[in-house]
């Protein structure tokens, strides 16, 4: 257990904690006295039929998702919907390597899967709020992995699904990319096998990890057009230091490693003996699959190929020069496209 001020109510709250108890994992481990961190917006209707679940991406938190996607007059409007944003296990706020006491924390934190996240979220929604129907499940990147898992695992509960910039079955290319993120962090001698003594000790490994996002997270055209200037950055170095490094260097290395391992193994086909078509065929939700046009690892053809296997689904490409990191909502044009698409999805009867 290591105290890191980045994972605090001050920066990422307000959020509440739901007690999962001793939570058995698909990998065979158990999280003792596990907790899910979550935030809610809006009011649950008397019929309990206006609930929306938002899941989090790699390194993301409920606060980041709220700031990017929730707001008055937007598709995800708390005046209309009861919105629950759940932090995935291992993201630093829910039970994670950094906040689990010895001996279960830090390098001893067990492997967690996307399936574990969704089972825990189901427990929260059904036991805490008595929700049995979700008007929408939405998630981007690793959140899209959770969205697909929800639609396949609980098809009668999910009415609509909106996976953005993520796949139902992780590709070999993505597995290698996530491994490069792992290797960047663990290459730092200060990582010390996961038993570092200070949250900033592994800063060089985290910086290498950040630079991999600089290469793959954005499009080449964004750099050519210097689109980062629209956010007030004066140079590429300023952009990388004060956006990417400022984002990733305060984080806990074991937290990022936990999520990267999980990301590598996201695969709904495990429910059907490896048959992806059969797994996606289980989905009953009206599904809107939304790749990002310039994403370099969850590429449009991969997401389109999966979309074609989902009954009652559509493909909507979101256009932006910001690549995969467009999910962070830095491009107003991307957000306008998202709101229009999801607004249409929510307005469509199921």
Protein backbone atom coordinates (compact mmCIF):
# COMPACT_ATOMS: atom_id res chain seq x y z
CA UNK A 1 0.00 0.00 0.00
CA UNK A 2 1.42 3.37 -0.99
CA UNK A 3 -0.10 6.78 -0.44
CA UNK A 4 -0.45 8.68 -3.70
CA UNK A 5 -2.24 12.05 -3.50
CA UNK A 6 -3.26 11.76 -7.16
CA UNK A 7 -5.94 9.21 -6.21
CA UNK A 8 -7.96 11.44 -3.92
CA UNK A 9 -11.41 12.88 -3.48
CA UNK A 10 -9.83 16.31 -3.98
CA UNK A 11 -8.79 15.49 -7.55
CA UNK A 12 -11.26 12.81 -8.63
CA UNK A 13 -14.28 13.20 -6.38
CA UNK A 14 -16.85 13.32 -5.24
CA UNK A 15 -17.24 9.56 -5.39
CA UNK A 16 -18.71 6.94 -3.11
CA UNK A 17 -17.56 3.43 -2.24
CA UNK A 18 -19.62 0.26 -2.58
CA UNK A 19 -18.57 -2.74 -0.50
CA UNK A 20 -18.13 -5.86 -2.63
CA UNK A 21 -16.99 -7.99 0.31
CA UNK A 22 -14.44 -10.69 -0.46
CA UNK A 23 -14.64 -10.73 -4.25
CA UNK A 24 -13.47 -13.88 -6.06
CA UNK A 25 -11.73 -13.23 -9.38
CA UNK A 26 -11.79 -15.12 -12.66
CA UNK A 27 -8.01 -15.57 -12.38
CA UNK A 28 -8.48 -17.51 -9.13
CA UNK A 29 -7.44 -14.76 -6.73
CA UNK A 30 -9.63 -12.95 -4.23
CA UNK A 31 -9.86 -9.26 -3.40
CA UNK A 32 -10.37 -8.96 0.35
CA UNK A 33 -12.95 -6.40 1.43
CA UNK A 34 -13.08 -5.05 -2.13
CA UNK A 35 -14.70 -1.74 -2.97
CA UNK A 36 -15.98 -0.04 -6.11
CA UNK A 37 -15.66 3.73 -6.39
CA UNK A 38 -18.57 5.28 -8.27
CA UNK A 39 -20.30 8.60 -8.88
CA UNK A 40 -23.92 9.28 -9.78
CA UNK A 41 -25.65 12.15 -11.55
CA UNK A 42 -29.36 12.77 -11.94
CA UNK A 43 -32.32 10.97 -10.37
CA UNK A 44 -33.44 7.38 -10.83
CA UNK A 45 -37.02 7.31 -12.10
CA UNK A 46 -39.78 5.60 -10.16
CA UNK A 47 -39.84 2.88 -12.81
CA UNK A 48 -36.03 2.57 -12.59
CA UNK A 49 -35.85 2.68 -16.38
CA UNK A 50 -33.64 5.73 -17.03
CA UNK A 51 -30.31 4.36 -15.80
CA UNK A 52 -27.14 4.80 -17.84
CA UNK A 53 -23.86 3.11 -16.97
CA UNK A 54 -20.56 4.70 -17.97
CA UNK A 55 -17.38 2.67 -17.62
CA UNK A 56 -13.80 3.96 -17.43
CA UNK A 57 -10.80 3.60 -19.72
CA UNK A 58 -7.12 2.83 -19.08
CA UNK A 59 -5.91 5.33 -16.44
CA UNK A 60 -9.29 7.10 -16.44
CA UNK A 61 -11.58 7.90 -13.51
CA UNK A 62 -15.22 8.79 -13.00
CA UNK A 63 -14.29 12.49 -12.76
CA UNK A 64 -12.62 12.45 -16.18
CA UNK A 65 -15.62 10.69 -17.75
CA UNK A 66 -18.02 13.17 -16.17
CA UNK A 67 -16.06 16.17 -17.39
CA UNK A 68 -15.82 14.85 -20.94
CA UNK A 69 -19.27 13.37 -21.51
CA UNK A 70 -21.92 14.39 -18.95
CA UNK A 71 -23.72 17.70 -18.90
CA UNK A 72 -26.92 19.72 -19.27
CA UNK A 73 -28.23 19.75 -22.82
CA UNK A 74 -25.89 16.97 -23.90
CA UNK A 75 -26.77 13.41 -24.89
CA UNK A 76 -25.90 12.21 -21.40
CA UNK A 77 -27.98 14.77 -19.54
CA UNK A 78 -28.51 14.25 -15.79
CA UNK A 79 -31.83 16.08 -16.08
CA UNK A 80 -33.13 13.11 -18.11
CA UNK A 81 -31.08 10.14 -16.93
CA UNK A 82 -29.68 8.57 -13.81
CA UNK A 83 -26.03 8.24 -14.75
CA UNK A 84 -23.72 5.91 -12.85
CA UNK A 85 -20.00 6.12 -13.60
CA UNK A 86 -18.06 3.20 -12.14
CA UNK A 87 -14.29 3.14 -11.75
CA UNK A 88 -12.86 -0.13 -12.98
CA UNK A 89 -11.09 -2.33 -10.45
CA UNK A 90 -7.41 -1.46 -10.31
CA UNK A 91 -7.75 2.15 -11.52
CA UNK A 92 -6.50 3.70 -8.26
CA UNK A 93 -9.88 4.66 -6.77
CA UNK A 94 -11.68 1.31 -6.64
CA UNK A 95 -9.75 -1.49 -4.93
CA UNK A 96 -6.31 -1.30 -6.54
CA UNK A 97 -2.63 -2.13 -5.99
CA UNK A 98 -1.98 1.27 -4.39
CA UNK A 99 -4.78 1.17 -1.80
CA UNK A 100 -4.78 -2.52 -0.83
CA UNK A 101 -2.96 -3.27 2.45
CA UNK A 102 -0.06 -5.69 2.65
CA UNK A 103 0.21 -8.49 1.72
CA UNK A 104 -2.33 -8.17 -1.09
CA UNK A 105 -1.29 -4.82 -2.53
CA UNK A 106 1.37 -3.42 -4.82
CA UNK A 107 3.19 -6.22 -6.71
CA UNK A 108 1.05 -8.89 -4.99
CA UNK A 109 -2.22 -7.48 -6.33
CA UNK A 110 -3.95 -10.32 -8.24
CA UNK A 111 -4.79 -10.27 -11.94
CA UNK A 112 -8.20 -8.76 -12.68
CA UNK A 113 -10.22 -9.23 -15.87
CA UNK A 114 -12.83 -7.22 -17.74
CA UNK A 115 -15.30 -9.90 -16.65
CA UNK A 116 -14.47 -9.20 -13.00
CA UNK A 117 -15.20 -5.52 -13.55
CA UNK A 118 -18.59 -6.20 -15.11
CA UNK A 119 -19.63 -8.71 -12.44
CA UNK A 120 -18.72 -6.16 -9.76
CA UNK A 121 -20.62 -3.39 -11.56
CA UNK A 122 -23.66 -5.66 -11.87
CA UNK A 123 -23.53 -6.27 -8.14
CA UNK A 124 -23.44 -2.52 -7.48
CA UNK A 125 -26.34 -1.70 -9.79
CA UNK A 126 -28.63 -4.53 -8.70
CA UNK A 127 -27.91 -4.52 -4.96
CA UNK A 128 -27.38 -0.82 -4.29
CA UNK A 129 -29.94 0.66 -6.70
CA UNK A 130 -32.19 -2.29 -7.56
CA UNK A 131 -31.62 -1.55 -11.25
CA UNK A 132 -32.60 -4.39 -13.60
CA UNK A 133 -32.63 -2.48 -16.91
CA UNK A 134 -29.98 -0.17 -18.38
CA UNK A 135 -31.13 2.33 -20.98
CA UNK A 136 -27.51 2.56 -22.15
CA UNK A 137 -24.06 1.24 -21.42
CA UNK A 138 -21.31 3.46 -22.78
CA UNK A 139 -17.57 3.21 -22.53
CA UNK A 140 -14.51 4.21 -24.54
CA UNK A 141 -11.28 2.25 -25.04
CA UNK A 142 -11.10 -0.17 -22.08
CA UNK A 143 -14.58 1.13 -21.27
CA UNK A 144 -15.69 -0.23 -24.65
CA UNK A 145 -14.31 -3.63 -23.64
CA UNK A 146 -16.52 -3.47 -20.56
CA UNK A 147 -19.48 -2.31 -22.67
CA UNK A 148 -19.19 -5.37 -24.92
CA UNK A 149 -18.81 -7.62 -21.87
CA UNK A 150 -22.00 -6.16 -20.41
CA UNK A 151 -23.96 -6.68 -23.64
CA UNK A 152 -22.78 -10.28 -24.01
CA UNK A 153 -22.92 -11.33 -20.34
CA UNK A 154 -26.20 -9.59 -19.44
CA UNK A 155 -28.08 -9.30 -22.78
CA UNK A 156 -31.53 -8.98 -21.19
CA UNK A 157 -30.42 -6.07 -19.01
CA UNK A 158 -28.73 -3.84 -21.62
CA UNK A 159 -31.16 -2.01 -23.94
CA UNK A 160 -28.55 0.05 -25.80
CA UNK A 161 -24.79 -0.14 -26.05
CA UNK A 162 -22.31 2.46 -27.30
CA UNK A 163 -18.72 1.15 -27.46
CA UNK A 164 -16.28 3.86 -28.57
CA UNK A 165 -12.69 3.23 -29.72
CA UNK A 166 -12.46 -0.31 -28.39
CA UNK A 167 -13.01 -3.92 -29.41
CA UNK A 168 -14.88 -6.91 -28.04
CA UNK A 169 -11.86 -9.13 -28.64
CA UNK A 170 -8.44 -7.59 -28.20
CA UNK A 171 -6.23 -7.89 -31.27
CA UNK A 172 -2.62 -9.17 -31.41
CA UNK A 173 -1.52 -5.65 -32.36
CA UNK A 174 -3.16 -4.17 -29.26
CA UNK A 175 -1.68 -6.91 -27.08
CA UNK A 176 1.81 -5.95 -28.30
CA UNK A 177 1.15 -2.25 -27.79
CA UNK A 178 -0.08 -2.79 -24.23
CA UNK A 179 3.00 -4.95 -23.61
CA UNK A 180 5.20 -2.07 -24.74
CA UNK A 181 3.52 0.11 -22.10
CA UNK A 182 4.21 -2.56 -19.48
CA UNK A 183 7.83 -2.91 -20.57
CA UNK A 184 8.38 0.86 -20.50
CA UNK A 185 7.31 1.06 -16.87
CA UNK A 186 9.08 -2.07 -15.64
CA UNK A 187 12.33 -1.14 -17.43
CA UNK A 188 12.93 1.54 -14.79
CA UNK A 189 15.26 0.10 -12.10
CA UNK A 190 13.28 2.10 -9.52
CA UNK A 191 10.26 -0.10 -10.25
CA UNK A 192 11.99 -2.65 -8.00
CA UNK A 193 9.74 -5.53 -8.96
CA UNK A 194 6.69 -3.50 -8.01
CA UNK A 195 7.91 -2.64 -4.51
CA UNK A 196 8.96 0.98 -5.07
CA UNK A 197 8.85 3.14 -1.96
CA UNK A 198 7.56 6.45 -3.32
CA UNK A 199 4.81 7.23 -5.85
CA UNK A 200 7.21 9.33 -7.97
CA UNK A 201 10.10 6.88 -7.84
CA UNK A 202 9.36 5.31 -11.23
CA UNK A 203 9.16 8.63 -13.08
CA UNK A 204 11.55 7.61 -15.88
CA UNK A 205 9.56 4.46 -16.63
CA UNK A 206 6.35 6.47 -16.56
CA UNK A 207 7.89 9.04 -18.91
CA UNK A 208 8.81 6.29 -21.40
CA UNK A 209 5.24 5.03 -21.09
CA UNK A 210 3.99 8.55 -21.78
CA UNK A 211 6.12 8.82 -24.92
CA UNK A 212 4.62 5.62 -26.32
CA UNK A 213 1.23 7.32 -26.04
CA UNK A 214 2.74 10.31 -27.86
CA UNK A 215 3.60 8.02 -30.78
CA UNK A 216 0.44 5.89 -30.94
CA UNK A 217 -2.18 7.95 -29.15
CA UNK A 218 -2.38 10.76 -31.72
CA UNK A 219 -2.48 10.86 -35.51
CA UNK A 220 0.48 11.92 -37.62
CA UNK A 221 -1.70 14.62 -39.16
CA UNK A 222 -2.30 16.20 -35.75
CA UNK A 223 1.43 16.81 -35.44
CA UNK A 224 1.70 18.07 -39.03
CA UNK A 225 -1.12 20.56 -38.54
CA UNK A 226 0.06 21.47 -35.02
CA UNK A 227 -3.48 21.02 -33.74
CA UNK A 228 -2.14 21.09 -30.19
CA UNK A 229 -1.83 24.87 -30.54
CA UNK A 230 -5.62 25.11 -30.17
CA UNK A 231 -5.20 23.97 -26.55
CA UNK A 232 -2.63 26.68 -25.80
CA UNK A 233 0.60 24.71 -26.18
CA UNK A 234 3.54 26.56 -27.73
CA UNK A 235 5.58 23.63 -29.06
CA UNK A 236 5.59 19.84 -29.33
CA UNK A 237 7.80 19.63 -26.25
CA UNK A 238 5.38 21.83 -24.32
CA UNK A 239 2.48 19.68 -25.52
CA UNK A 240 4.09 16.38 -24.50
CA UNK A 241 5.29 17.66 -21.13
CA UNK A 242 2.18 19.49 -20.04
CA UNK A 243 -0.45 17.18 -21.48
CA UNK A 244 0.86 13.61 -21.59
CA UNK A 245 3.54 13.76 -18.88
CA UNK A 246 1.23 15.80 -16.66
CA UNK A 247 -1.42 13.11 -17.17
CA UNK A 248 0.64 9.96 -16.61
CA UNK A 249 3.59 10.81 -14.36
CA UNK A 250 1.50 11.36 -11.20
CA UNK A 251 -0.08 7.90 -11.52
CA UNK A 252 0.81 4.71 -9.70
CA UNK A 253 2.89 2.28 -11.83
CA UNK A 254 1.25 -0.87 -10.42
CA UNK A 255 -2.17 0.61 -11.17
CA UNK A 256 -1.25 1.11 -14.82
CA UNK A 257 0.27 -2.38 -15.01
CA UNK A 258 -2.89 -3.92 -13.56
CA UNK A 259 -5.05 -2.25 -16.18
CA UNK A 260 -2.67 -3.01 -19.07
CA UNK A 261 -2.72 -6.74 -18.23
CA UNK A 262 -6.52 -6.61 -18.17
CA UNK A 263 -6.66 -4.69 -21.46
CA UNK A 264 -4.51 -7.32 -23.18
CA UNK A 265 -6.96 -10.09 -22.31
CA UNK A 266 -10.31 -8.48 -23.04
CA UNK A 267 -12.27 -11.05 -25.06
CA UNK A 268 -16.00 -11.78 -24.99
CA UNK A 269 -15.43 -14.92 -27.07
CA UNK A 270 -14.34 -16.77 -23.93
CA UNK A 271 -18.08 -17.07 -23.16
CA UNK A 272 -18.58 -19.18 -26.29
CA UNK A 273 -15.48 -21.35 -26.44
CA UNK A 274 -13.56 -18.82 -28.54
CA UNK A 275 -16.32 -18.22 -31.09
CA UNK A 276 -16.52 -14.43 -31.46
CA UNK A 277 -19.48 -14.54 -33.85
CA UNK A 278 -21.49 -16.63 -31.39
CA UNK A 279 -20.58 -14.33 -28.50
CA UNK A 280 -21.55 -11.13 -30.32
CA UNK A 281 -24.67 -12.88 -31.58
CA UNK A 282 -25.90 -12.98 -27.99
CA UNK A 283 -26.24 -9.19 -27.89
CA UNK A 284 -29.84 -7.98 -27.76
CA UNK A 285 -29.02 -4.31 -27.22
CA UNK A 286 -29.45 -1.76 -29.98
CA UNK A 287 -25.74 -1.17 -30.50
CA UNK A 288 -23.89 1.78 -31.98
CA UNK A 289 -20.23 0.95 -32.64
CA UNK A 290 -18.12 4.11 -32.84
CA UNK A 291 -14.49 3.90 -33.93
CA UNK A 292 -12.33 7.02 -34.21
CA UNK A 293 -11.19 7.72 -37.77
CA UNK A 294 -7.50 8.26 -36.89
CA UNK A 295 -7.17 5.74 -34.04
CA UNK A 296 -3.97 3.76 -34.61
CA UNK A 297 -4.69 0.74 -32.42
CA UNK A 298 -8.47 0.30 -32.22
CA UNK A 299 -8.66 0.84 -35.97
CA UNK A 300 -11.86 1.28 -37.95
CA UNK A 301 -11.64 -2.05 -39.88
CA UNK A 302 -11.28 -4.06 -36.64
CA UNK A 303 -14.29 -2.39 -35.04
CA UNK A 304 -16.34 -2.62 -38.25
CA UNK A 305 -15.64 -6.33 -38.57
CA UNK A 306 -17.03 -6.88 -35.07
CA UNK A 307 -20.00 -4.58 -35.69
CA UNK A 308 -21.08 -6.74 -38.63
CA UNK A 309 -21.41 -9.69 -36.24
CA UNK A 310 -23.77 -7.84 -33.88
CA UNK A 311 -27.52 -8.03 -34.57
CA UNK A 312 -29.37 -4.71 -34.74
CA UNK A 313 -26.16 -2.66 -34.80
CA UNK A 314 -24.77 0.29 -36.72
CA UNK A 315 -21.33 1.76 -37.34
CA UNK A 316 -20.69 5.47 -36.83
CA UNK A 317 -17.14 6.71 -37.38
CA UNK A 318 -16.16 9.71 -35.24
CA UNK A 319 -13.84 12.01 -37.17
CA UNK A 320 -11.00 13.79 -35.40
CA UNK A 321 -7.27 14.33 -35.83
CA UNK A 322 -6.71 13.53 -32.16
CA UNK A 323 -6.45 9.77 -32.67
CA UNK A 324 -7.27 7.46 -29.81
CA UNK A 325 -6.78 10.22 -27.25
CA UNK A 326 -9.71 11.95 -28.86
CA UNK A 327 -11.76 10.02 -26.28
CA UNK A 328 -10.54 12.52 -23.68
CA UNK A 329 -12.82 15.13 -25.24
CA UNK A 330 -10.16 17.67 -26.20
CA UNK A 331 -11.75 18.18 -29.65
CA UNK A 332 -15.14 19.97 -29.55
CA UNK A 333 -15.93 18.54 -32.99
CA UNK A 334 -15.53 15.00 -31.69
CA UNK A 335 -17.82 15.71 -28.74
CA UNK A 336 -20.49 17.19 -31.03
CA UNK A 337 -20.42 14.03 -33.17
CA UNK A 338 -20.62 11.83 -30.08
CA UNK A 339 -23.57 13.75 -28.63
CA UNK A 340 -25.45 13.64 -31.93
CA UNK A 341 -24.91 9.90 -32.36
CA UNK A 342 -25.70 8.88 -28.78
CA UNK A 343 -28.63 11.28 -28.65
CA UNK A 344 -30.10 9.49 -31.68
CA UNK A 345 -29.45 6.12 -30.08
CA UNK A 346 -31.21 7.10 -26.87
CA UNK A 347 -34.16 8.51 -28.83
CA UNK A 348 -34.60 5.25 -30.74
CA UNK A 349 -37.18 2.90 -29.19
CA UNK A 350 -35.97 -0.57 -28.19
